PDB file of N, CA and C in Angstrom:
ATOM      1  N   MET A   1     -18.760  -3.290  17.221  1.00  0.00           N
ATOM      2  CA  MET A   1     -18.218  -1.953  17.259  1.00  0.00           C
ATOM      3  C   MET A   1     -19.276  -0.997  16.702  1.00  0.00           C
ATOM      4  N   GLU A   2     -19.458   0.107  17.373  1.00  0.00           N
ATOM      5  CA  GLU A   2     -20.419   1.095  16.912  1.00  0.00           C
ATOM      6  C   GLU A   2     -19.948   1.741  15.617  1.00  0.00           C
ATOM      7  N   GLU A   3     -20.908   2.140  14.787  1.00  0.00           N
ATOM      8  CA  GLU A   3     -20.586   2.746  13.493  1.00  0.00           C
ATOM      9  C   GLU A   3     -19.686   3.962  13.643  1.00  0.00           C
ATOM     10  N   ALA A   4     -19.900   4.792  14.651  1.00  0.00           N
ATOM     11  CA  ALA A   4     -19.103   6.013  14.842  1.00  0.00           C
ATOM     12  C   ALA A   4     -17.659   5.698  15.218  1.00  0.00           C
ATOM     13  N   GLU A   5     -17.391   4.510  15.739  1.00  0.00           N
ATOM     14  CA  GLU A   5     -16.054   4.140  16.179  1.00  0.00           C
ATOM     15  C   GLU A   5     -15.307   3.276  15.169  1.00  0.00           C
ATOM     16  N   ARG A   6     -15.936   2.939  14.072  1.00  0.00           N
ATOM     17  CA  ARG A   6     -15.335   2.074  13.064  1.00  0.00           C
ATOM     18  C   ARG A   6     -14.202   2.809  12.359  1.00  0.00           C
ATOM     19  N   ILE A   7     -13.070   2.131  12.156  1.00  0.00           N
ATOM     20  CA  ILE A   7     -11.941   2.717  11.434  1.00  0.00           C
ATOM     21  C   ILE A   7     -12.312   2.782   9.964  1.00  0.00           C
ATOM     22  N   VAL A   8     -12.157   3.966   9.370  1.00  0.00           N
ATOM     23  CA  VAL A   8     -12.505   4.121   7.962  1.00  0.00           C
ATOM     24  C   VAL A   8     -11.308   4.483   7.101  1.00  0.00           C
ATOM     25  N   ALA A   9     -10.184   4.893   7.703  1.00  0.00           N
ATOM     26  CA  ALA A   9      -9.015   5.256   6.895  1.00  0.00           C
ATOM     27  C   ALA A   9      -7.755   5.279   7.749  1.00  0.00           C
ATOM     28  N   ILE A  10      -6.666   4.946   7.096  1.00  0.00           N
ATOM     29  CA  ILE A  10      -5.331   5.077   7.662  1.00  0.00           C
ATOM     30  C   ILE A  10      -4.500   5.748   6.589  1.00  0.00           C
ATOM     31  N   GLY A  11      -3.691   6.714   6.952  1.00  0.00           N
ATOM     32  CA  GLY A  11      -2.910   7.396   5.932  1.00  0.00           C
ATOM     33  C   GLY A  11      -1.578   7.886   6.457  1.00  0.00           C
ATOM     34  N   LEU A  12      -0.665   8.089   5.546  1.00  0.00           N
ATOM     35  CA  LEU A  12       0.621   8.674   5.873  1.00  0.00           C
ATOM     36  C   LEU A  12       0.546  10.148   5.495  1.00  0.00           C
ATOM     37  N   LEU A  13       0.769  11.015   6.456  1.00  0.00           N
ATOM     38  CA  LEU A  13       0.618  12.446   6.254  1.00  0.00           C
ATOM     39  C   LEU A  13       1.925  13.176   6.513  1.00  0.00           C
ATOM     40  N   THR A  14       2.104  14.276   5.820  1.00  0.00           N
ATOM     41  CA  THR A  14       3.259  15.133   6.061  1.00  0.00           C
ATOM     42  C   THR A  14       2.892  16.160   7.127  1.00  0.00           C
ATOM     43  N   GLU A  15       3.884  16.899   7.608  1.00  0.00           N
ATOM     44  CA  GLU A  15       3.617  17.972   8.564  1.00  0.00           C
ATOM     45  C   GLU A  15       2.638  18.972   7.959  1.00  0.00           C
ATOM     46  N   GLN A  16       2.807  19.266   6.663  1.00  0.00           N
ATOM     47  CA  GLN A  16       1.913  20.210   5.999  1.00  0.00           C
ATOM     48  C   GLN A  16       0.477  19.676   5.983  1.00  0.00           C
ATOM     49  N   ASP A  17       0.324  18.379   5.733  1.00  0.00           N
ATOM     50  CA  ASP A  17      -1.005  17.770   5.763  1.00  0.00           C
ATOM     51  C   ASP A  17      -1.660  17.974   7.125  1.00  0.00           C
ATOM     52  N   LEU A  18      -0.891  17.737   8.194  1.00  0.00           N
ATOM     53  CA  LEU A  18      -1.431  17.904   9.540  1.00  0.00           C
ATOM     54  C   LEU A  18      -1.793  19.357   9.811  1.00  0.00           C
ATOM     55  N   ASP A  19      -0.987  20.280   9.319  1.00  0.00           N
ATOM     56  CA  ASP A  19      -1.301  21.704   9.480  1.00  0.00           C
ATOM     57  C   ASP A  19      -2.624  22.040   8.801  1.00  0.00           C
ATOM     58  N   ILE A  20      -2.844  21.485   7.621  1.00  0.00           N
ATOM     59  CA  ILE A  20      -4.078  21.739   6.887  1.00  0.00           C
ATOM     60  C   ILE A  20      -5.279  21.148   7.628  1.00  0.00           C
ATOM     61  N   LEU A  21      -5.110  19.957   8.188  1.00  0.00           N
ATOM     62  CA  LEU A  21      -6.203  19.324   8.921  1.00  0.00           C
ATOM     63  C   LEU A  21      -6.549  20.094  10.191  1.00  0.00           C
ATOM     64  N   GLY A  22      -5.559  20.743  10.775  1.00  0.00           N
ATOM     65  CA  GLY A  22      -5.800  21.571  11.952  1.00  0.00           C
ATOM     66  C   GLY A  22      -5.969  20.778  13.237  1.00  0.00           C
ATOM     67  N   THR A  23      -6.414  21.478  14.254  1.00  0.00           N
ATOM     68  CA  THR A  23      -6.496  20.893  15.592  1.00  0.00           C
ATOM     69  C   THR A  23      -7.638  19.895  15.736  1.00  0.00           C
ATOM     70  N   GLY A  24      -8.572  19.881  14.794  1.00  0.00           N
ATOM     71  CA  GLY A  24      -9.666  18.922  14.862  1.00  0.00           C
ATOM     72  C   GLY A  24      -9.222  17.493  14.600  1.00  0.00           C
ATOM     73  N   PHE A  25      -8.054  17.345  13.989  1.00  0.00           N
ATOM     74  CA  PHE A  25      -7.506  16.013  13.720  1.00  0.00           C
ATOM     75  C   PHE A  25      -6.649  15.622  14.916  1.00  0.00           C
ATOM     76  N   ARG A  26      -7.147  14.698  15.728  1.00  0.00           N
ATOM     77  CA  ARG A  26      -6.509  14.415  17.015  1.00  0.00           C
ATOM     78  C   ARG A  26      -5.717  13.120  17.075  1.00  0.00           C
ATOM     79  N   ARG A  27      -5.864  12.240  16.137  1.00  0.00           N
ATOM     80  CA  ARG A  27      -5.220  10.927  16.255  1.00  0.00           C
ATOM     81  C   ARG A  27      -4.109  10.745  15.235  1.00  0.00           C
ATOM     82  N   ALA A  28      -3.044  11.469  15.415  1.00  0.00           N
ATOM     83  CA  ALA A  28      -1.873  11.324  14.551  1.00  0.00           C
ATOM     84  C   ALA A  28      -0.758  10.710  15.378  1.00  0.00           C
ATOM     85  N   PHE A  29      -0.128   9.690  14.837  1.00  0.00           N
ATOM     86  CA  PHE A  29       0.982   9.027  15.517  1.00  0.00           C
ATOM     87  C   PHE A  29       2.210   9.189  14.647  1.00  0.00           C
ATOM     88  N   ARG A  30       3.220   9.827  15.152  1.00  0.00           N
ATOM     89  CA  ARG A  30       4.438  10.074  14.384  1.00  0.00           C
ATOM     90  C   ARG A  30       5.172   8.752  14.143  1.00  0.00           C
ATOM     91  N   VAL A  31       5.393   8.447  12.891  1.00  0.00           N
ATOM     92  CA  VAL A  31       6.012   7.181  12.505  1.00  0.00           C
ATOM     93  C   VAL A  31       7.443   7.095  13.008  1.00  0.00           C
ATOM     94  N   ASP A  32       8.205   8.175  12.897  1.00  0.00           N
ATOM     95  CA  ASP A  32       9.607   8.124  13.296  1.00  0.00           C
ATOM     96  C   ASP A  32       9.790   8.008  14.805  1.00  0.00           C
ATOM     97  N   ASP A  33       8.763   8.346  15.580  1.00  0.00           N
ATOM     98  CA  ASP A  33       8.842   8.261  17.036  1.00  0.00           C
ATOM     99  C   ASP A  33       8.184   7.008  17.590  1.00  0.00           C
ATOM    100  N   THR A  34       7.618   6.179  16.722  1.00  0.00           N
ATOM    101  CA  THR A  34       6.847   5.038  17.180  1.00  0.00           C
ATOM    102  C   THR A  34       7.345   3.772  16.486  1.00  0.00           C
ATOM    103  N   PRO A  35       8.190   2.983  17.143  1.00  0.00           N
ATOM    104  CA  PRO A  35       8.789   1.821  16.487  1.00  0.00           C
ATOM    105  C   PRO A  35       7.785   0.742  16.077  1.00  0.00           C
ATOM    106  N   CYS A  36       6.592   0.753  16.611  1.00  0.00           N
ATOM    107  CA  CYS A  36       5.620  -0.284  16.254  1.00  0.00           C
ATOM    108  C   CYS A  36       5.142  -0.148  14.815  1.00  0.00           C
ATOM    109  N   PHE A  37       5.467   0.960  14.135  1.00  0.00           N
ATOM    110  CA  PHE A  37       5.054   1.142  12.755  1.00  0.00           C
ATOM    111  C   PHE A  37       6.049   0.551  11.763  1.00  0.00           C
ATOM    112  N   ASP A  38       7.204   0.108  12.210  1.00  0.00           N
ATOM    113  CA  ASP A  38       8.218  -0.416  11.294  1.00  0.00           C
ATOM    114  C   ASP A  38       7.671  -1.552  10.439  1.00  0.00           C
ATOM    115  N   GLU A  39       7.016  -2.512  11.060  1.00  0.00           N
ATOM    116  CA  GLU A  39       6.475  -3.659  10.328  1.00  0.00           C
ATOM    117  C   GLU A  39       5.381  -3.217   9.358  1.00  0.00           C
ATOM    118  N   LEU A  40       4.529  -2.295   9.768  1.00  0.00           N
ATOM    119  CA  LEU A  40       3.486  -1.794   8.886  1.00  0.00           C
ATOM    120  C   LEU A  40       4.088  -1.121   7.662  1.00  0.00           C
ATOM    121  N   LEU A  41       5.102  -0.294   7.856  1.00  0.00           N
ATOM    122  CA  LEU A  41       5.744   0.387   6.730  1.00  0.00           C
ATOM    123  C   LEU A  41       6.406  -0.612   5.789  1.00  0.00           C
ATOM    124  N   GLU A  42       7.017  -1.665   6.322  1.00  0.00           N
ATOM    125  CA  GLU A  42       7.614  -2.704   5.485  1.00  0.00           C
ATOM    126  C   GLU A  42       6.543  -3.392   4.641  1.00  0.00           C
ATOM    127  N   GLN A  43       5.379  -3.656   5.235  1.00  0.00           N
ATOM    128  CA  GLN A  43       4.293  -4.300   4.495  1.00  0.00           C
ATOM    129  C   GLN A  43       3.744  -3.384   3.416  1.00  0.00           C
ATOM    130  N   ILE A  44       3.632  -2.103   3.710  1.00  0.00           N
ATOM    131  CA  ILE A  44       3.168  -1.146   2.700  1.00  0.00           C
ATOM    132  C   ILE A  44       4.155  -1.093   1.541  1.00  0.00           C
ATOM    133  N   ASP A  45       5.450  -1.029   1.850  1.00  0.00           N
ATOM    134  CA  ASP A  45       6.473  -1.013   0.798  1.00  0.00           C
ATOM    135  C   ASP A  45       6.399  -2.269  -0.066  1.00  0.00           C
ATOM    136  N   ALA A  46       6.219  -3.420   0.576  1.00  0.00           N
ATOM    137  CA  ALA A  46       6.133  -4.683  -0.161  1.00  0.00           C
ATOM    138  C   ALA A  46       4.894  -4.693  -1.057  1.00  0.00           C
ATOM    139  N   ALA A  47       3.779  -4.192  -0.565  1.00  0.00           N
ATOM    140  CA  ALA A  47       2.557  -4.138  -1.366  1.00  0.00           C
ATOM    141  C   ALA A  47       2.738  -3.216  -2.564  1.00  0.00           C
ATOM    142  N   GLU A  48       3.417  -2.095  -2.354  1.00  0.00           N
ATOM    143  CA  GLU A  48       3.676  -1.179  -3.467  1.00  0.00           C
ATOM    144  C   GLU A  48       4.574  -1.828  -4.519  1.00  0.00           C
ATOM    145  N   ARG A  49       5.579  -2.588  -4.069  1.00  0.00           N
ATOM    146  CA  ARG A  49       6.457  -3.285  -5.024  1.00  0.00           C
ATOM    147  C   ARG A  49       5.665  -4.309  -5.830  1.00  0.00           C
ATOM    148  N   ARG A  50       4.799  -5.067  -5.155  1.00  0.00           N
ATOM    149  CA  ARG A  50       3.992  -6.071  -5.854  1.00  0.00           C
ATOM    150  C   ARG A  50       3.055  -5.398  -6.868  1.00  0.00           C
ATOM    151  N   ALA A  51       2.444  -4.305  -6.472  1.00  0.00           N
ATOM    152  CA  ALA A  51       1.538  -3.596  -7.385  1.00  0.00           C
ATOM    153  C   ALA A  51       2.311  -3.077  -8.601  1.00  0.00           C
ATOM    154  N   GLU A  52       3.501  -2.559  -8.388  1.00  0.00           N
ATOM    155  CA  GLU A  52       4.323  -2.072  -9.491  1.00  0.00           C
ATOM    156  C   GLU A  52       4.713  -3.219 -10.418  1.00  0.00           C
ATOM    157  N   GLU A  53       5.061  -4.365  -9.860  1.00  0.00           N
ATOM    158  CA  GLU A  53       5.407  -5.530 -10.660  1.00  0.00           C
ATOM    159  C   GLU A  53       4.208  -5.992 -11.490  1.00  0.00           C
ATOM    160  N   MET A  54       3.017  -5.954 -10.886  1.00  0.00           N
ATOM    161  CA  MET A  54       1.812  -6.361 -11.606  1.00  0.00           C
ATOM    162  C   MET A  54       1.525  -5.383 -12.752  1.00  0.00           C
ATOM    163  N   ARG A  55       1.700  -4.083 -12.511  1.00  0.00           N
ATOM    164  CA  ARG A  55       1.464  -3.087 -13.562  1.00  0.00           C
ATOM    165  C   ARG A  55       2.484  -3.260 -14.696  1.00  0.00           C
ATOM    166  N   ALA A  56       3.710  -3.577 -14.357  1.00  0.00           N
ATOM    167  CA  ALA A  56       4.760  -3.758 -15.363  1.00  0.00           C
ATOM    168  C   ALA A  56       4.499  -5.027 -16.188  1.00  0.00           C
ATOM    169  N   GLY A  57       3.879  -6.011 -15.586  1.00  0.00           N
ATOM    170  CA  GLY A  57       3.609  -7.262 -16.276  1.00  0.00           C
ATOM    171  C   GLY A  57       2.417  -7.211 -17.208  1.00  0.00           C
ATOM    172  N   ASN A  58       1.600  -6.173 -17.089  1.00  0.00           N
ATOM    173  CA  ASN A  58       0.396  -6.060 -17.931  1.00  0.00           C
ATOM    174  C   ASN A  58       0.658  -5.318 -19.192  1.00  0.00           C
TER     175      ASN A  58
END
């Protein structure tokens, strides 16, 4: 994969975030309109729970 095409970030953004990014930000996929993100969101939630448990245990 060419360096210019390499994925460097994935993020969850609000409508306000997208407004700030402006029209130059072209690859936004609405989570509520795209069912393929359900599993990803579940994994993110699980990772956050594990991280919280680890912080609580320290």
